[in-house]
Amino acid sequence: MNEASEDFKQRVYEIVRQIPKGKVMSYGQIAALCGSPRAARIVGGVAHWGDPSLPWQRVVMKDGSLAPGYPGGTEGHRAALEAEGIRFDDDYRVDMKEHLWRPPHPDQNSLL
């Protein structure tokens, strides 16, 4: 892995570590905060192959859909989020209005 890729991965890790219980962020939101707004799929790759001790269950698609690559598939993803008190709509999507987390840093929120 080159230095730029490693730096991006470490920035993703830092953001994911901060997502509070009961909140979620989207892959694209994390990519934008890392300075690469079009890198949502790369964030997904980092999630899939990255440090399993991080709260990856708190990362969802921009419409609140769940990731099929999560351990246990979408059902496992949903169970992990429900255990944190996250609610879903009738289409099994996270209620993004209620659960979306925006980091407190004002400069970061302007990217979202």
C-alpha atoms as a PDB file:
ATOM      1  CA  MET A   1       0.000   0.000   0.000  1.00  0.00           C
ATOM      2  CA  ASN A   2       1.402   3.401  -0.902  1.00  0.00           C
ATOM      3  CA  GLU A   3       1.684   6.284   1.533  1.00  0.00           C
ATOM      4  CA  ALA A   4      -1.373   8.149   0.186  1.00  0.00           C
ATOM      5  CA  SER A   5      -3.543   5.023   0.483  1.00  0.00           C
ATOM      6  CA  GLU A   6      -2.331   4.358   4.010  1.00  0.00           C
ATOM      7  CA  ASP A   7      -3.016   7.981   4.973  1.00  0.00           C
ATOM      8  CA  PHE A   8      -6.561   7.779   3.565  1.00  0.00           C
ATOM      9  CA  LYS A   9      -7.188   4.523   5.441  1.00  0.00           C
ATOM     10  CA  GLN A  10      -5.977   6.037   8.704  1.00  0.00           C
ATOM     11  CA  ARG A  11      -8.264   9.068   8.225  1.00  0.00           C
ATOM     12  CA  VAL A  12     -11.212   6.709   7.638  1.00  0.00           C
ATOM     13  CA  TYR A  13     -10.315   4.827  10.822  1.00  0.00           C
ATOM     14  CA  GLU A  14     -10.158   8.053  12.835  1.00  0.00           C
ATOM     15  CA  ILE A  15     -13.612   9.143  11.680  1.00  0.00           C
ATOM     16  CA  VAL A  16     -15.221   5.729  12.228  1.00  0.00           C
ATOM     17  CA  ARG A  17     -13.763   5.571  15.761  1.00  0.00           C
ATOM     18  CA  GLN A  18     -15.644   8.785  16.592  1.00  0.00           C
ATOM     19  CA  ILE A  19     -19.136   7.737  15.471  1.00  0.00           C
ATOM     20  CA  PRO A  20     -21.175   7.544  18.672  1.00  0.00           C
ATOM     21  CA  LYS A  21     -23.385   4.630  19.619  1.00  0.00           C
ATOM     22  CA  GLY A  22     -26.862   5.118  18.149  1.00  0.00           C
ATOM     23  CA  LYS A  23     -25.591   7.207  15.222  1.00  0.00           C
ATOM     24  CA  VAL A  24     -24.447   6.400  11.683  1.00  0.00           C
ATOM     25  CA  MET A  25     -22.469   7.963   8.874  1.00  0.00           C
ATOM     26  CA  SER A  26     -22.533   7.171   5.170  1.00  0.00           C
ATOM     27  CA  TYR A  27     -19.598   5.889   3.152  1.00  0.00           C
ATOM     28  CA  GLY A  28     -19.735   9.054   1.040  1.00  0.00           C
ATOM     29  CA  GLN A  29     -19.867  11.309   4.066  1.00  0.00           C
ATOM     30  CA  ILE A  30     -16.710   9.672   5.425  1.00  0.00           C
ATOM     31  CA  ALA A  31     -15.018   9.926   2.024  1.00  0.00           C
ATOM     32  CA  ALA A  32     -15.823  13.655   1.858  1.00  0.00           C
ATOM     33  CA  LEU A  33     -14.426  14.222   5.343  1.00  0.00           C
ATOM     34  CA  CYS A  34     -11.250  12.457   4.225  1.00  0.00           C
ATOM     35  CA  GLY A  35     -10.940  14.901   1.319  1.00  0.00           C
ATOM     36  CA  SER A  36     -12.119  12.539  -1.439  1.00  0.00           C
ATOM     37  CA  PRO A  37     -15.882  12.991  -1.894  1.00  0.00           C
ATOM     38  CA  ARG A  38     -16.030  10.484  -4.760  1.00  0.00           C
ATOM     39  CA  ALA A  39     -14.294   7.713  -2.813  1.00  0.00           C
ATOM     40  CA  ALA A  40     -17.300   6.122  -1.090  1.00  0.00           C
ATOM     41  CA  ARG A  41     -16.473   2.727  -2.609  1.00  0.00           C
ATOM     42  CA  ILE A  42     -12.922   2.971  -1.361  1.00  0.00           C
ATOM     43  CA  VAL A  43     -14.280   3.634   2.136  1.00  0.00           C
ATOM     44  CA  GLY A  44     -16.370   0.492   1.664  1.00  0.00           C
ATOM     45  CA  GLY A  45     -13.219  -1.442   0.824  1.00  0.00           C
ATOM     46  CA  VAL A  46     -11.483  -0.087   3.906  1.00  0.00           C
ATOM     47  CA  ALA A  47     -14.507  -1.182   5.953  1.00  0.00           C
ATOM     48  CA  HIS A  48     -14.549  -4.640   4.420  1.00  0.00           C
ATOM     49  CA  TRP A  49     -10.831  -5.335   4.809  1.00  0.00           C
ATOM     50  CA  GLY A  50     -10.018  -2.981   7.668  1.00  0.00           C
ATOM     51  CA  ASP A  51      -9.587  -3.170  11.397  1.00  0.00           C
ATOM     52  CA  PRO A  52     -12.451  -5.351  12.681  1.00  0.00           C
ATOM     53  CA  SER A  53     -12.373  -3.733  16.120  1.00  0.00           C
ATOM     54  CA  LEU A  54     -13.869  -0.493  14.764  1.00  0.00           C
ATOM     55  CA  PRO A  55     -17.640   0.155  14.833  1.00  0.00           C
ATOM     56  CA  TRP A  56     -18.218  -0.516  11.115  1.00  0.00           C
ATOM     57  CA  GLN A  57     -21.871  -1.296  11.832  1.00  0.00           C
ATOM     58  CA  ARG A  58     -22.325   2.470  12.130  1.00  0.00           C
ATOM     59  CA  VAL A  59     -21.423   3.004   8.451  1.00  0.00           C
ATOM     60  CA  VAL A  60     -24.283   2.704   5.955  1.00  0.00           C
ATOM     61  CA  MET A  61     -25.136   3.767   2.417  1.00  0.00           C
ATOM     62  CA  LYS A  62     -26.306   7.350   1.845  1.00  0.00           C
ATOM     63  CA  ASP A  63     -29.967   6.302   1.696  1.00  0.00           C
ATOM     64  CA  GLY A  64     -29.670   4.360   4.950  1.00  0.00           C
ATOM     65  CA  SER A  65     -29.388   0.980   3.226  1.00  0.00           C
ATOM     66  CA  LEU A  66     -27.259  -1.671   4.857  1.00  0.00           C
ATOM     67  CA  ALA A  67     -24.101  -3.287   3.547  1.00  0.00           C
ATOM     68  CA  PRO A  68     -24.437  -6.880   2.365  1.00  0.00           C
ATOM     69  CA  GLY A  69     -20.717  -7.404   3.039  1.00  0.00           C
ATOM     70  CA  TYR A  70     -21.183  -6.886   6.768  1.00  0.00           C
ATOM     71  CA  PRO A  71     -20.645 -10.086   8.821  1.00  0.00           C
ATOM     72  CA  GLY A  72     -23.997 -11.847   8.786  1.00  0.00           C
ATOM     73  CA  GLY A  73     -25.089  -9.845   5.729  1.00  0.00           C
ATOM     74  CA  THR A  74     -27.746  -7.169   5.927  1.00  0.00           C
ATOM     75  CA  GLU A  75     -29.556  -9.067   8.709  1.00  0.00           C
ATOM     76  CA  GLY A  76     -26.377  -9.086  10.805  1.00  0.00           C
ATOM     77  CA  HIS A  77     -25.858  -5.394  10.062  1.00  0.00           C
ATOM     78  CA  ARG A  78     -29.424  -4.575  11.059  1.00  0.00           C
ATOM     79  CA  ALA A  79     -29.203  -6.608  14.283  1.00  0.00           C
ATOM     80  CA  ALA A  80     -25.993  -4.801  15.279  1.00  0.00           C
ATOM     81  CA  LEU A  81     -27.616  -1.399  14.717  1.00  0.00           C
ATOM     82  CA  GLU A  82     -30.877  -2.317  16.427  1.00  0.00           C
ATOM     83  CA  ALA A  83     -28.826  -3.367  19.465  1.00  0.00           C
ATOM     84  CA  GLU A  84     -27.652   0.268  19.603  1.00  0.00           C
ATOM     85  CA  GLY A  85     -31.203   1.608  19.437  1.00  0.00           C
ATOM     86  CA  ILE A  86     -31.159   2.577  15.766  1.00  0.00           C
ATOM     87  CA  ARG A  87     -34.557   2.482  14.089  1.00  0.00           C
ATOM     88  CA  PHE A  88     -35.430   1.540  10.544  1.00  0.00           C
ATOM     89  CA  ASP A  89     -38.158   2.596   8.136  1.00  0.00           C
ATOM     90  CA  ASP A  90     -40.557   0.221   6.389  1.00  0.00           C
ATOM     91  CA  ASP A  91     -37.955  -0.424   3.659  1.00  0.00           C
ATOM     92  CA  TYR A  92     -35.392  -1.587   6.252  1.00  0.00           C
ATOM     93  CA  ARG A  93     -33.334   1.565   5.919  1.00  0.00           C
ATOM     94  CA  VAL A  94     -31.832   3.514   8.786  1.00  0.00           C
ATOM     95  CA  ASP A  95     -33.799   6.661   9.564  1.00  0.00           C
ATOM     96  CA  MET A  96     -31.038   9.034   8.450  1.00  0.00           C
ATOM     97  CA  LYS A  97     -32.829  12.145   9.687  1.00  0.00           C
ATOM     98  CA  GLU A  98     -32.822  10.760  13.192  1.00  0.00           C
ATOM     99  CA  HIS A  99     -29.529   8.859  13.296  1.00  0.00           C
ATOM    100  CA  LEU A 100     -27.087  10.650  10.971  1.00  0.00           C
ATOM    101  CA  TRP A 101     -24.041  11.859  12.863  1.00  0.00           C
ATOM    102  CA  ARG A 102     -22.230  14.989  11.858  1.00  0.00           C
ATOM    103  CA  PRO A 103     -18.861  15.541  13.531  1.00  0.00           C
ATOM    104  CA  PRO A 104     -18.734  18.594  15.780  1.00  0.00           C
ATOM    105  CA  HIS A 105     -15.845  20.239  13.910  1.00  0.00           C
ATOM    106  CA  PRO A 106     -17.387  23.135  11.923  1.00  0.00           C
ATOM    107  CA  ASP A 107     -14.962  22.797   8.991  1.00  0.00           C
ATOM    108  CA  GLN A 108     -15.896  19.154   8.584  1.00  0.00           C
ATOM    109  CA  ASN A 109     -19.650  19.827   8.580  1.00  0.00           C
ATOM    110  CA  SER A 110     -19.283  22.233   5.670  1.00  0.00           C
ATOM    111  CA  LEU A 111     -18.180  19.270   3.534  1.00  0.00           C
ATOM    112  CA  LEU A 112     -21.405  17.380   4.093  1.00  0.00           C
END
